């Protein structure tokens, strides 16, 4: 029993994962994806995921006034102008226009 436990812990220390570790990780990921909307699902494209992250970040900056003030100070702009710019960026899709056009055609 000790040898088996020692082998298992040494394999984890080396960064190797077992099948049960992968299953547990996948189960946790599925639980998070079902619980929170922004984490996506297995069929989410890379661009859609990035777009969700960008929009969530801007929403967080707008929702936390101290973060908005920080960004405005860093950009040497007024908070109203930074807020307006972030709102505009939230509604614009991110990524290159070529990829968006390809997706629209398909």
PDB file of N, CA and C in Angstrom:
ATOM      1  N   UNK A   1       0.833  -1.199   0.000  1.00  0.00           N
ATOM      2  CA  UNK A   1       0.000   0.000   0.000  1.00  0.00           C
ATOM      3  C   UNK A   1       0.870   1.253   0.000  1.00  0.00           C
ATOM      4  N   UNK A   2       1.906   1.263   0.793  1.00  0.00           N
ATOM      5  CA  UNK A   2       2.781   2.432   0.842  1.00  0.00           C
ATOM      6  C   UNK A   2       3.477   2.666  -0.496  1.00  0.00           C
ATOM      7  N   UNK A   3       3.913   1.589  -1.151  1.00  0.00           N
ATOM      8  CA  UNK A   3       4.605   1.737  -2.430  1.00  0.00           C
ATOM      9  C   UNK A   3       3.666   2.324  -3.487  1.00  0.00           C
ATOM     10  N   UNK A   4       2.439   1.835  -3.496  1.00  0.00           N
ATOM     11  CA  UNK A   4       1.477   2.337  -4.466  1.00  0.00           C
ATOM     12  C   UNK A   4       1.194   3.819  -4.226  1.00  0.00           C
ATOM     13  N   UNK A   5       1.037   4.189  -2.982  1.00  0.00           N
ATOM     14  CA  UNK A   5       0.794   5.587  -2.630  1.00  0.00           C
ATOM     15  C   UNK A   5       2.016   6.436  -2.973  1.00  0.00           C
ATOM     16  N   UNK A   6       3.195   5.931  -2.718  1.00  0.00           N
ATOM     17  CA  UNK A   6       4.419   6.667  -3.033  1.00  0.00           C
ATOM     18  C   UNK A   6       4.547   6.861  -4.546  1.00  0.00           C
ATOM     19  N   UNK A   7       4.213   5.839  -5.335  1.00  0.00           N
ATOM     20  CA  UNK A   7       4.276   5.968  -6.785  1.00  0.00           C
ATOM     21  C   UNK A   7       3.275   7.016  -7.279  1.00  0.00           C
ATOM     22  N   UNK A   8       2.085   7.003  -6.715  1.00  0.00           N
ATOM     23  CA  UNK A   8       1.056   7.943  -7.130  1.00  0.00           C
ATOM     24  C   UNK A   8       1.475   9.377  -6.814  1.00  0.00           C
ATOM     25  N   UNK A   9       1.990   9.620  -5.617  1.00  0.00           N
ATOM     26  CA  UNK A   9       2.392  10.975  -5.254  1.00  0.00           C
ATOM     27  C   UNK A   9       3.614  11.421  -6.037  1.00  0.00           C
ATOM     28  N   UNK A  10       4.534  10.509  -6.332  1.00  0.00           N
ATOM     29  CA  UNK A  10       5.708  10.904  -7.101  1.00  0.00           C
ATOM     30  C   UNK A  10       5.312  11.218  -8.551  1.00  0.00           C
ATOM     31  N   UNK A  11       4.335  10.517  -9.089  1.00  0.00           N
ATOM     32  CA  UNK A  11       3.868  10.808 -10.443  1.00  0.00           C
ATOM     33  C   UNK A  11       3.209  12.182 -10.487  1.00  0.00           C
ATOM     34  N   UNK A  12       2.456  12.533  -9.475  1.00  0.00           N
ATOM     35  CA  UNK A  12       1.827  13.852  -9.425  1.00  0.00           C
ATOM     36  C   UNK A  12       2.882  14.934  -9.253  1.00  0.00           C
ATOM     37  N   UNK A  13       3.918  14.646  -8.461  1.00  0.00           N
ATOM     38  CA  UNK A  13       4.986  15.616  -8.263  1.00  0.00           C
ATOM     39  C   UNK A  13       5.723  15.881  -9.568  1.00  0.00           C
ATOM     40  N   UNK A  14       5.826  14.900 -10.439  1.00  0.00           N
ATOM     41  CA  UNK A  14       6.490  15.074 -11.723  1.00  0.00           C
ATOM     42  C   UNK A  14       5.586  15.755 -12.743  1.00  0.00           C
ATOM     43  N   UNK A  15       4.341  16.009 -12.394  1.00  0.00           N
ATOM     44  CA  UNK A  15       3.428  16.684 -13.305  1.00  0.00           C
ATOM     45  C   UNK A  15       2.588  15.737 -14.140  1.00  0.00           C
ATOM     46  N   UNK A  16       2.694  14.440 -13.900  1.00  0.00           N
ATOM     47  CA  UNK A  16       1.891  13.483 -14.648  1.00  0.00           C
ATOM     48  C   UNK A  16       0.525  13.374 -13.981  1.00  0.00           C
ATOM     49  N   UNK A  17      -0.491  13.299 -14.783  1.00  0.00           N
ATOM     50  CA  UNK A  17      -1.831  13.164 -14.220  1.00  0.00           C
ATOM     51  C   UNK A  17      -2.403  11.804 -14.594  1.00  0.00           C
ATOM     52  N   UNK A  18      -3.218  11.315 -13.733  1.00  0.00           N
ATOM     53  CA  UNK A  18      -3.832  10.013 -13.959  1.00  0.00           C
ATOM     54  C   UNK A  18      -5.176  10.206 -14.651  1.00  0.00           C
ATOM     55  N   UNK A  19      -5.762   9.111 -15.075  1.00  0.00           N
ATOM     56  CA  UNK A  19      -7.066   9.170 -15.742  1.00  0.00           C
ATOM     57  C   UNK A  19      -8.130   9.711 -14.796  1.00  0.00           C
ATOM     58  N   UNK A  20      -8.045   9.360 -13.532  1.00  0.00           N
ATOM     59  CA  UNK A  20      -9.047   9.851 -12.579  1.00  0.00           C
ATOM     60  C   UNK A  20      -8.900  11.356 -12.366  1.00  0.00           C
ATOM     61  N   UNK A  21      -7.661  11.870 -12.435  1.00  0.00           N
ATOM     62  CA  UNK A  21      -7.461  13.320 -12.331  1.00  0.00           C
ATOM     63  C   UNK A  21      -8.116  14.043 -13.499  1.00  0.00           C
ATOM     64  N   UNK A  22      -7.959  13.503 -14.710  1.00  0.00           N
ATOM     65  CA  UNK A  22      -8.561  14.119 -15.891  1.00  0.00           C
ATOM     66  C   UNK A  22     -10.081  14.075 -15.817  1.00  0.00           C
ATOM     67  N   UNK A  23     -10.625  12.963 -15.354  1.00  0.00           N
ATOM     68  CA  UNK A  23     -12.080  12.861 -15.233  1.00  0.00           C
ATOM     69  C   UNK A  23     -12.615  13.854 -14.213  1.00  0.00           C
ATOM     70  N   UNK A  24     -11.896  13.985 -13.093  1.00  0.00           N
ATOM     71  CA  UNK A  24     -12.320  14.937 -12.072  1.00  0.00           C
ATOM     72  C   UNK A  24     -12.247  16.367 -12.597  1.00  0.00           C
ATOM     73  N   UNK A  25     -11.197  16.670 -13.357  1.00  0.00           N
ATOM     74  CA  UNK A  25     -11.055  18.003 -13.925  1.00  0.00           C
ATOM     75  C   UNK A  25     -12.168  18.294 -14.928  1.00  0.00           C
ATOM     76  N   UNK A  26     -12.483  17.322 -15.782  1.00  0.00           N
ATOM     77  CA  UNK A  26     -13.573  17.504 -16.743  1.00  0.00           C
ATOM     78  C   UNK A  26     -14.915  17.666 -16.051  1.00  0.00           C
ATOM     79  N   UNK A  27     -15.131  16.929 -14.971  1.00  0.00           N
ATOM     80  CA  UNK A  27     -16.383  17.057 -14.224  1.00  0.00           C
ATOM     81  C   UNK A  27     -16.497  18.449 -13.594  1.00  0.00           C
ATOM     82  N   UNK A  28     -15.393  18.965 -13.065  1.00  0.00           N
ATOM     83  CA  UNK A  28     -15.403  20.312 -12.483  1.00  0.00           C
ATOM     84  C   UNK A  28     -15.667  21.364 -13.555  1.00  0.00           C
ATOM     85  N   UNK A  29     -15.049  21.175 -14.721  1.00  0.00           N
ATOM     86  CA  UNK A  29     -15.245  22.127 -15.813  1.00  0.00           C
ATOM     87  C   UNK A  29     -16.695  22.130 -16.277  1.00  0.00           C
ATOM     88  N   UNK A  30     -17.294  20.966 -16.410  1.00  0.00           N
ATOM     89  CA  UNK A  30     -18.699  20.890 -16.815  1.00  0.00           C
ATOM     90  C   UNK A  30     -19.609  21.551 -15.788  1.00  0.00           C
ATOM     91  N   UNK A  31     -19.295  21.360 -14.508  1.00  0.00           N
ATOM     92  CA  UNK A  31     -20.084  21.984 -13.446  1.00  0.00           C
ATOM     93  C   UNK A  31     -19.994  23.499 -13.527  1.00  0.00           C
ATOM     94  N   UNK A  32     -18.770  24.024 -13.725  1.00  0.00           N
ATOM     95  CA  UNK A  32     -18.602  25.470 -13.835  1.00  0.00           C
ATOM     96  C   UNK A  32     -19.305  26.020 -15.071  1.00  0.00           C
ATOM     97  N   UNK A  33     -19.204  25.309 -16.178  1.00  0.00           N
ATOM     98  CA  UNK A  33     -19.839  25.774 -17.403  1.00  0.00           C
ATOM     99  C   UNK A  33     -21.360  25.766 -17.281  1.00  0.00           C
ATOM    100  N   UNK A  34     -21.897  24.830 -16.547  1.00  0.00           N
ATOM    101  CA  UNK A  34     -23.348  24.794 -16.353  1.00  0.00           C
ATOM    102  C   UNK A  34     -23.805  25.887 -15.389  1.00  0.00           C
ATOM    103  N   UNK A  35     -22.950  26.229 -14.421  1.00  0.00           N
ATOM    104  CA  UNK A  35     -23.325  27.182 -13.386  1.00  0.00           C
ATOM    105  C   UNK A  35     -23.188  28.637 -13.839  1.00  0.00           C
ATOM    106  N   UNK A  36     -22.126  28.936 -14.573  1.00  0.00           N
ATOM    107  CA  UNK A  36     -21.839  30.312 -14.966  1.00  0.00           C
ATOM    108  C   UNK A  36     -21.939  30.463 -16.481  1.00  0.00           C
ATOM    109  N   UNK A  37     -22.676  31.479 -16.923  1.00  0.00           N
ATOM    110  CA  UNK A  37     -22.943  31.681 -18.333  1.00  0.00           C
ATOM    111  C   UNK A  37     -21.676  32.030 -19.107  1.00  0.00           C
ATOM    112  N   UNK A  38     -20.827  32.864 -18.584  1.00  0.00           N
ATOM    113  CA  UNK A  38     -19.665  33.360 -19.300  1.00  0.00           C
ATOM    114  C   UNK A  38     -18.559  32.354 -19.531  1.00  0.00           C
ATOM    115  N   UNK A  39     -18.621  31.191 -18.903  1.00  0.00           N
ATOM    116  CA  UNK A  39     -17.543  30.216 -19.075  1.00  0.00           C
ATOM    117  C   UNK A  39     -17.719  29.393 -20.336  1.00  0.00           C
ATOM    118  N   UNK A  40     -18.833  29.543 -21.008  1.00  0.00           N
ATOM    119  CA  UNK A  40     -19.035  28.880 -22.289  1.00  0.00           C
ATOM    120  C   UNK A  40     -19.484  27.438 -22.160  1.00  0.00           C
ATOM    121  N   UNK A  41     -19.310  26.714 -23.265  1.00  0.00           N
ATOM    122  CA  UNK A  41     -19.659  25.307 -23.351  1.00  0.00           C
ATOM    123  C   UNK A  41     -18.694  24.670 -24.333  1.00  0.00           C
ATOM    124  N   UNK A  42     -18.711  23.367 -24.509  1.00  0.00           N
ATOM    125  CA  UNK A  42     -17.718  22.720 -25.385  1.00  0.00           C
ATOM    126  C   UNK A  42     -17.740  23.190 -26.833  1.00  0.00           C
ATOM    127  N   UNK A  43     -18.839  23.756 -27.302  1.00  0.00           N
ATOM    128  CA  UNK A  43     -18.944  24.168 -28.699  1.00  0.00           C
ATOM    129  C   UNK A  43     -18.617  25.638 -28.938  1.00  0.00           C
ATOM    130  N   UNK A  44     -18.133  26.345 -27.917  1.00  0.00           N
ATOM    131  CA  UNK A  44     -17.827  27.764 -28.063  1.00  0.00           C
ATOM    132  C   UNK A  44     -16.551  27.925 -28.887  1.00  0.00           C
ATOM    133  N   UNK A  45     -16.615  28.805 -29.882  1.00  0.00           N
ATOM    134  CA  UNK A  45     -15.425  29.059 -30.694  1.00  0.00           C
ATOM    135  C   UNK A  45     -14.461  29.956 -29.923  1.00  0.00           C
ATOM    136  N   UNK A  46     -13.239  29.978 -30.387  1.00  0.00           N
ATOM    137  CA  UNK A  46     -12.215  30.785 -29.726  1.00  0.00           C
ATOM    138  C   UNK A  46     -12.577  32.270 -29.766  1.00  0.00           C
ATOM    139  N   UNK A  47     -13.094  32.737 -30.895  1.00  0.00           N
ATOM    140  CA  UNK A  47     -13.453  34.145 -31.042  1.00  0.00           C
ATOM    141  C   UNK A  47     -14.618  34.520 -30.131  1.00  0.00           C
ATOM    142  N   UNK A  48     -15.607  33.635 -30.048  1.00  0.00           N
ATOM    143  CA  UNK A  48     -16.760  33.910 -29.183  1.00  0.00           C
ATOM    144  C   UNK A  48     -16.340  33.953 -27.722  1.00  0.00           C
ATOM    145  N   UNK A  49     -15.434  33.054 -27.339  1.00  0.00           N
ATOM    146  CA  UNK A  49     -14.932  33.045 -25.967  1.00  0.00           C
ATOM    147  C   UNK A  49     -14.186  34.337 -25.668  1.00  0.00           C
ATOM    148  N   UNK A  50     -13.333  34.771 -26.603  1.00  0.00           N
ATOM    149  CA  UNK A  50     -12.573  36.012 -26.410  1.00  0.00           C
ATOM    150  C   UNK A  50     -13.518  37.208 -26.314  1.00  0.00           C
ATOM    151  N   UNK A  51     -14.558  37.199 -27.125  1.00  0.00           N
ATOM    152  CA  UNK A  51     -15.528  38.282 -27.092  1.00  0.00           C
ATOM    153  C   UNK A  51     -16.233  38.339 -25.736  1.00  0.00           C
ATOM    154  N   UNK A  52     -16.582  37.190 -25.192  1.00  0.00           N
ATOM    155  CA  UNK A  52     -17.207  37.151 -23.863  1.00  0.00           C
ATOM    156  C   UNK A  52     -16.266  37.697 -22.798  1.00  0.00           C
ATOM    157  N   UNK A  53     -14.981  37.337 -22.877  1.00  0.00           N
ATOM    158  CA  UNK A  53     -14.006  37.819 -21.900  1.00  0.00           C
ATOM    159  C   UNK A  53     -13.862  39.334 -21.989  1.00  0.00           C
ATOM    160  N   UNK A  54     -13.781  39.869 -23.212  1.00  0.00           N
ATOM    161  CA  UNK A  54     -13.654  41.319 -23.384  1.00  0.00           C
ATOM    162  C   UNK A  54     -14.865  42.041 -22.813  1.00  0.00           C
ATOM    163  N   UNK A  55     -16.042  41.554 -23.131  1.00  0.00           N
ATOM    164  CA  UNK A  55     -17.254  42.219 -22.644  1.00  0.00           C
ATOM    165  C   UNK A  55     -17.378  42.122 -21.127  1.00  0.00           C
ATOM    166  N   UNK A  56     -17.029  40.986 -20.571  1.00  0.00           N
ATOM    167  CA  UNK A  56     -17.073  40.842 -19.118  1.00  0.00           C
ATOM    168  C   UNK A  56     -16.074  41.772 -18.438  1.00  0.00           C
ATOM    169  N   UNK A  57     -14.907  41.928 -19.046  1.00  0.00           N
ATOM    170  CA  UNK A  57     -13.888  42.821 -18.474  1.00  0.00           C
ATOM    171  C   UNK A  57     -14.375  44.263 -18.487  1.00  0.00           C
ATOM    172  N   UNK A  58     -14.917  44.704 -19.622  1.00  0.00           N
ATOM    173  CA  UNK A  58     -15.426  46.076 -19.701  1.00  0.00           C
ATOM    174  C   UNK A  58     -16.590  46.282 -18.724  1.00  0.00           C
ATOM    175  N   UNK A  59     -17.454  45.308 -18.608  1.00  0.00           N
ATOM    176  CA  UNK A  59     -18.576  45.428 -17.663  1.00  0.00           C
ATOM    177  C   UNK A  59     -18.064  45.532 -16.234  1.00  0.00           C
ATOM    178  N   UNK A  60     -17.008  44.788 -15.918  1.00  0.00           N
ATOM    179  CA  UNK A  60     -16.426  44.855 -14.579  1.00  0.00           C
ATOM    180  C   UNK A  60     -15.789  46.219 -14.327  1.00  0.00           C
ATOM    181  N   UNK A  61     -15.065  46.740 -15.319  1.00  0.00           N
ATOM    182  CA  UNK A  61     -14.455  48.061 -15.169  1.00  0.00           C
ATOM    183  C   UNK A  61     -15.516  49.134 -14.967  1.00  0.00           C
ATOM    184  N   UNK A  62     -16.611  49.027 -15.707  1.00  0.00           N
ATOM    185  CA  UNK A  62     -17.674  50.018 -15.581  1.00  0.00           C
ATOM    186  C   UNK A  62     -18.430  49.872 -14.261  1.00  0.00           C
ATOM    187  N   UNK A  63     -18.524  48.666 -13.765  1.00  0.00           N
ATOM    188  CA  UNK A  63     -19.259  48.422 -12.529  1.00  0.00           C
ATOM    189  C   UNK A  63     -18.494  48.778 -11.268  1.00  0.00           C
ATOM    190  N   UNK A  64     -17.176  48.806 -11.360  1.00  0.00           N
ATOM    191  CA  UNK A  64     -16.341  49.158 -10.205  1.00  0.00           C
ATOM    192  C   UNK A  64     -15.716  50.528 -10.466  1.00  0.00           C
ATOM    193  N   UNK A  65     -16.253  51.530  -9.797  1.00  0.00           N
ATOM    194  CA  UNK A  65     -15.863  52.908 -10.066  1.00  0.00           C
ATOM    195  C   UNK A  65     -14.369  53.132  -9.872  1.00  0.00           C
ATOM    196  N   UNK A  66     -13.782  52.497  -8.868  1.00  0.00           N
ATOM    197  CA  UNK A  66     -12.352  52.716  -8.618  1.00  0.00           C
ATOM    198  C   UNK A  66     -11.497  52.208  -9.787  1.00  0.00           C
ATOM    199  N   UNK A  67     -11.942  51.135 -10.471  1.00  0.00           N
ATOM    200  CA  UNK A  67     -11.219  50.646 -11.642  1.00  0.00           C
ATOM    201  C   UNK A  67     -11.369  51.626 -12.815  1.00  0.00           C
ATOM    202  N   UNK A  68     -12.554  52.197 -12.945  1.00  0.00           N
ATOM    203  CA  UNK A  68     -12.791  53.183 -13.990  1.00  0.00           C
ATOM    204  C   UNK A  68     -11.908  54.414 -13.775  1.00  0.00           C
ATOM    205  N   UNK A  69     -11.807  54.864 -12.549  1.00  0.00           N
ATOM    206  CA  UNK A  69     -10.953  56.006 -12.227  1.00  0.00           C
ATOM    207  C   UNK A  69      -9.487  55.675 -12.499  1.00  0.00           C
ATOM    208  N   UNK A  70      -9.090  54.460 -12.188  1.00  0.00           N
ATOM    209  CA  UNK A  70      -7.714  54.031 -12.439  1.00  0.00           C
ATOM    210  C   UNK A  70      -7.383  54.072 -13.929  1.00  0.00           C
ATOM    211  N   UNK A  71      -8.267  53.532 -14.759  1.00  0.00           N
ATOM    212  CA  UNK A  71      -8.048  53.526 -16.207  1.00  0.00           C
ATOM    213  C   UNK A  71      -8.056  54.956 -16.744  1.00  0.00           C
ATOM    214  N   UNK A  72      -8.964  55.785 -16.255  1.00  0.00           N
ATOM    215  CA  UNK A  72      -9.033  57.173 -16.706  1.00  0.00           C
ATOM    216  C   UNK A  72      -7.759  57.926 -16.342  1.00  0.00           C
ATOM    217  N   UNK A  73      -7.241  57.682 -15.170  1.00  0.00           N
ATOM    218  CA  UNK A  73      -5.996  58.324 -14.762  1.00  0.00           C
ATOM    219  C   UNK A  73      -4.833  57.851 -15.617  1.00  0.00           C
ATOM    220  N   UNK A  74      -4.782  56.558 -15.886  1.00  0.00           N
ATOM    221  CA  UNK A  74      -3.695  55.997 -16.693  1.00  0.00           C
ATOM    222  C   UNK A  74      -3.735  56.529 -18.123  1.00  0.00           C
ATOM    223  N   UNK A  75      -4.924  56.761 -18.657  1.00  0.00           N
ATOM    224  CA  UNK A  75      -5.075  57.258 -20.023  1.00  0.00           C
ATOM    225  C   UNK A  75      -5.127  58.782 -20.085  1.00  0.00           C
ATOM    226  N   UNK A  76      -5.091  59.442 -18.931  1.00  0.00           N
ATOM    227  CA  UNK A  76      -5.164  60.901 -18.834  1.00  0.00           C
ATOM    228  C   UNK A  76      -6.416  61.434 -19.523  1.00  0.00           C
ATOM    229  N   UNK A  77      -7.537  60.791 -19.252  1.00  0.00           N
ATOM    230  CA  UNK A  77      -8.834  61.168 -19.812  1.00  0.00           C
ATOM    231  C   UNK A  77      -9.830  61.335 -18.665  1.00  0.00           C
ATOM    232  N   UNK A  78     -10.962  61.957 -18.969  1.00  0.00           N
ATOM    233  CA  UNK A  78     -12.009  62.068 -17.958  1.00  0.00           C
ATOM    234  C   UNK A  78     -12.702  60.723 -17.793  1.00  0.00           C
ATOM    235  N   UNK A  79     -13.305  60.511 -16.636  1.00  0.00           N
ATOM    236  CA  UNK A  79     -13.981  59.231 -16.389  1.00  0.00           C
ATOM    237  C   UNK A  79     -15.179  59.061 -17.327  1.00  0.00           C
ATOM    238  N   UNK A  80     -15.862  60.152 -17.649  1.00  0.00           N
ATOM    239  CA  UNK A  80     -17.020  60.057 -18.546  1.00  0.00           C
ATOM    240  C   UNK A  80     -16.589  59.624 -19.940  1.00  0.00           C
ATOM    241  N   UNK A  81     -15.465  60.167 -20.411  1.00  0.00           N
ATOM    242  CA  UNK A  81     -14.987  59.809 -21.747  1.00  0.00           C
ATOM    243  C   UNK A  81     -14.528  58.346 -21.782  1.00  0.00           C
ATOM    244  N   UNK A  82     -13.861  57.898 -20.716  1.00  0.00           N
ATOM    245  CA  UNK A  82     -13.414  56.502 -20.646  1.00  0.00           C
ATOM    246  C   UNK A  82     -14.626  55.576 -20.565  1.00  0.00           C
ATOM    247  N   UNK A  83     -15.621  55.979 -19.786  1.00  0.00           N
ATOM    248  CA  UNK A  83     -16.840  55.180 -19.661  1.00  0.00           C
ATOM    249  C   UNK A  83     -17.546  55.059 -21.006  1.00  0.00           C
ATOM    250  N   UNK A  84     -17.646  56.158 -21.727  1.00  0.00           N
ATOM    251  CA  UNK A  84     -18.276  56.141 -23.052  1.00  0.00           C
ATOM    252  C   UNK A  84     -17.497  55.235 -24.002  1.00  0.00           C
ATOM    253  N   UNK A  85     -16.177  55.348 -23.987  1.00  0.00           N
ATOM    254  CA  UNK A  85     -15.354  54.506 -24.853  1.00  0.00           C
ATOM    255  C   UNK A  85     -15.501  53.033 -24.547  1.00  0.00           C
ATOM    256  N   UNK A  86     -15.563  52.699 -23.265  1.00  0.00           N
ATOM    257  CA  UNK A  86     -15.725  51.288 -22.874  1.00  0.00           C
ATOM    258  C   UNK A  86     -17.102  50.767 -23.275  1.00  0.00           C
ATOM    259  N   UNK A  87     -18.122  51.599 -23.134  1.00  0.00           N
ATOM    260  CA  UNK A  87     -19.456  51.169 -23.559  1.00  0.00           C
ATOM    261  C   UNK A  87     -19.490  50.910 -25.061  1.00  0.00           C
ATOM    262  N   UNK A  88     -18.816  51.766 -25.832  1.00  0.00           N
ATOM    263  CA  UNK A  88     -18.760  51.560 -27.280  1.00  0.00           C
ATOM    264  C   UNK A  88     -18.029  50.272 -27.626  1.00  0.00           C
ATOM    265  N   UNK A  89     -16.938  49.994 -26.917  1.00  0.00           N
ATOM    266  CA  UNK A  89     -16.165  48.771 -27.164  1.00  0.00           C
ATOM    267  C   UNK A  89     -16.933  47.520 -26.769  1.00  0.00           C
ATOM    268  N   UNK A  90     -17.803  47.645 -25.772  1.00  0.00           N
ATOM    269  CA  UNK A  90     -18.595  46.483 -25.350  1.00  0.00           C
ATOM    270  C   UNK A  90     -19.539  46.026 -26.457  1.00  0.00           C
ATOM    271  N   UNK A  91     -20.057  46.969 -27.221  1.00  0.00           N
ATOM    272  CA  UNK A  91     -21.043  46.624 -28.235  1.00  0.00           C
ATOM    273  C   UNK A  91     -20.423  46.273 -29.576  1.00  0.00           C
ATOM    274  N   UNK A  92     -19.150  46.581 -29.763  1.00  0.00           N
ATOM    275  CA  UNK A  92     -18.468  46.230 -31.006  1.00  0.00           C
ATOM    276  C   UNK A  92     -17.859  44.847 -30.863  1.00  0.00           C
ATOM    277  N   UNK A  93     -18.004  43.996 -31.860  1.00  0.00           N
ATOM    278  CA  UNK A  93     -17.371  42.681 -31.787  1.00  0.00           C
ATOM    279  C   UNK A  93     -15.857  42.811 -31.868  1.00  0.00           C
ATOM    280  N   UNK A  94     -15.152  41.950 -31.165  1.00  0.00           N
ATOM    281  CA  UNK A  94     -13.691  42.001 -31.185  1.00  0.00           C
ATOM    282  C   UNK A  94     -13.155  41.016 -32.219  1.00  0.00           C
ATOM    283  N   UNK A  95     -11.891  41.136 -32.523  1.00  0.00           N
ATOM    284  CA  UNK A  95     -11.279  40.270 -33.517  1.00  0.00           C
ATOM    285  C   UNK A  95     -11.174  40.976 -34.856  1.00  0.00           C
ATOM    286  N   UNK A  96     -10.507  40.319 -35.784  1.00  0.00           N
ATOM    287  CA  UNK A  96     -10.317  40.938 -37.098  1.00  0.00           C
ATOM    288  C   UNK A  96     -11.613  40.882 -37.906  1.00  0.00           C
ATOM    289  N   UNK A  97     -11.782  41.853 -38.766  1.00  0.00           N
ATOM    290  CA  UNK A  97     -12.999  41.916 -39.571  1.00  0.00           C
ATOM    291  C   UNK A  97     -13.050  40.782 -40.595  1.00  0.00           C
ATOM    292  N   UNK A  98     -11.877  40.279 -41.030  1.00  0.00           N
ATOM    293  CA  UNK A  98     -11.851  39.170 -41.988  1.00  0.00           C
ATOM    294  C   UNK A  98     -12.476  37.919 -41.391  1.00  0.00           C
ATOM    295  N   UNK A  99     -12.142  37.615 -40.149  1.00  0.00           N
ATOM    296  CA  UNK A  99     -12.702  36.424 -39.501  1.00  0.00           C
ATOM    297  C   UNK A  99     -14.206  36.574 -39.325  1.00  0.00           C
ATOM    298  N   UNK A 100     -14.648  37.782 -38.996  1.00  0.00           N
ATOM    299  CA  UNK A 100     -16.084  37.994 -38.835  1.00  0.00           C
ATOM    300  C   UNK A 100     -16.818  37.806 -40.148  1.00  0.00           C
ATOM    301  N   UNK A 101     -16.222  38.294 -41.233  1.00  0.00           N
ATOM    302  CA  UNK A 101     -16.844  38.143 -42.541  1.00  0.00           C
ATOM    303  C   UNK A 101     -16.924  36.679 -42.952  1.00  0.00           C
ATOM    304  N   UNK A 102     -15.861  35.907 -42.634  1.00  0.00           N
ATOM    305  CA  UNK A 102     -15.870  34.488 -42.943  1.00  0.00           C
ATOM    306  C   UNK A 102     -16.982  33.764 -42.190  1.00  0.00           C
ATOM    307  N   UNK A 103     -17.150  34.127 -40.928  1.00  0.00           N
ATOM    308  CA  UNK A 103     -18.204  33.492 -40.127  1.00  0.00           C
ATOM    309  C   UNK A 103     -19.573  33.856 -40.641  1.00  0.00           C
ATOM    310  N   UNK A 104     -19.743  35.107 -41.111  1.00  0.00           N
ATOM    311  CA  UNK A 104     -21.033  35.535 -41.630  1.00  0.00           C
ATOM    312  C   UNK A 104     -21.376  34.787 -42.918  1.00  0.00           C
ATOM    313  N   UNK A 105     -20.358  34.485 -43.738  1.00  0.00           N
ATOM    314  CA  UNK A 105     -20.595  33.776 -44.986  1.00  0.00           C
ATOM    315  C   UNK A 105     -20.962  32.321 -44.743  1.00  0.00           C
ATOM    316  N   UNK A 106     -20.367  31.712 -43.724  1.00  0.00           N
ATOM    317  CA  UNK A 106     -20.639  30.305 -43.428  1.00  0.00           C
ATOM    318  C   UNK A 106     -21.914  30.214 -42.703  1.00  0.00           C
TER     319      UNK A 106
END
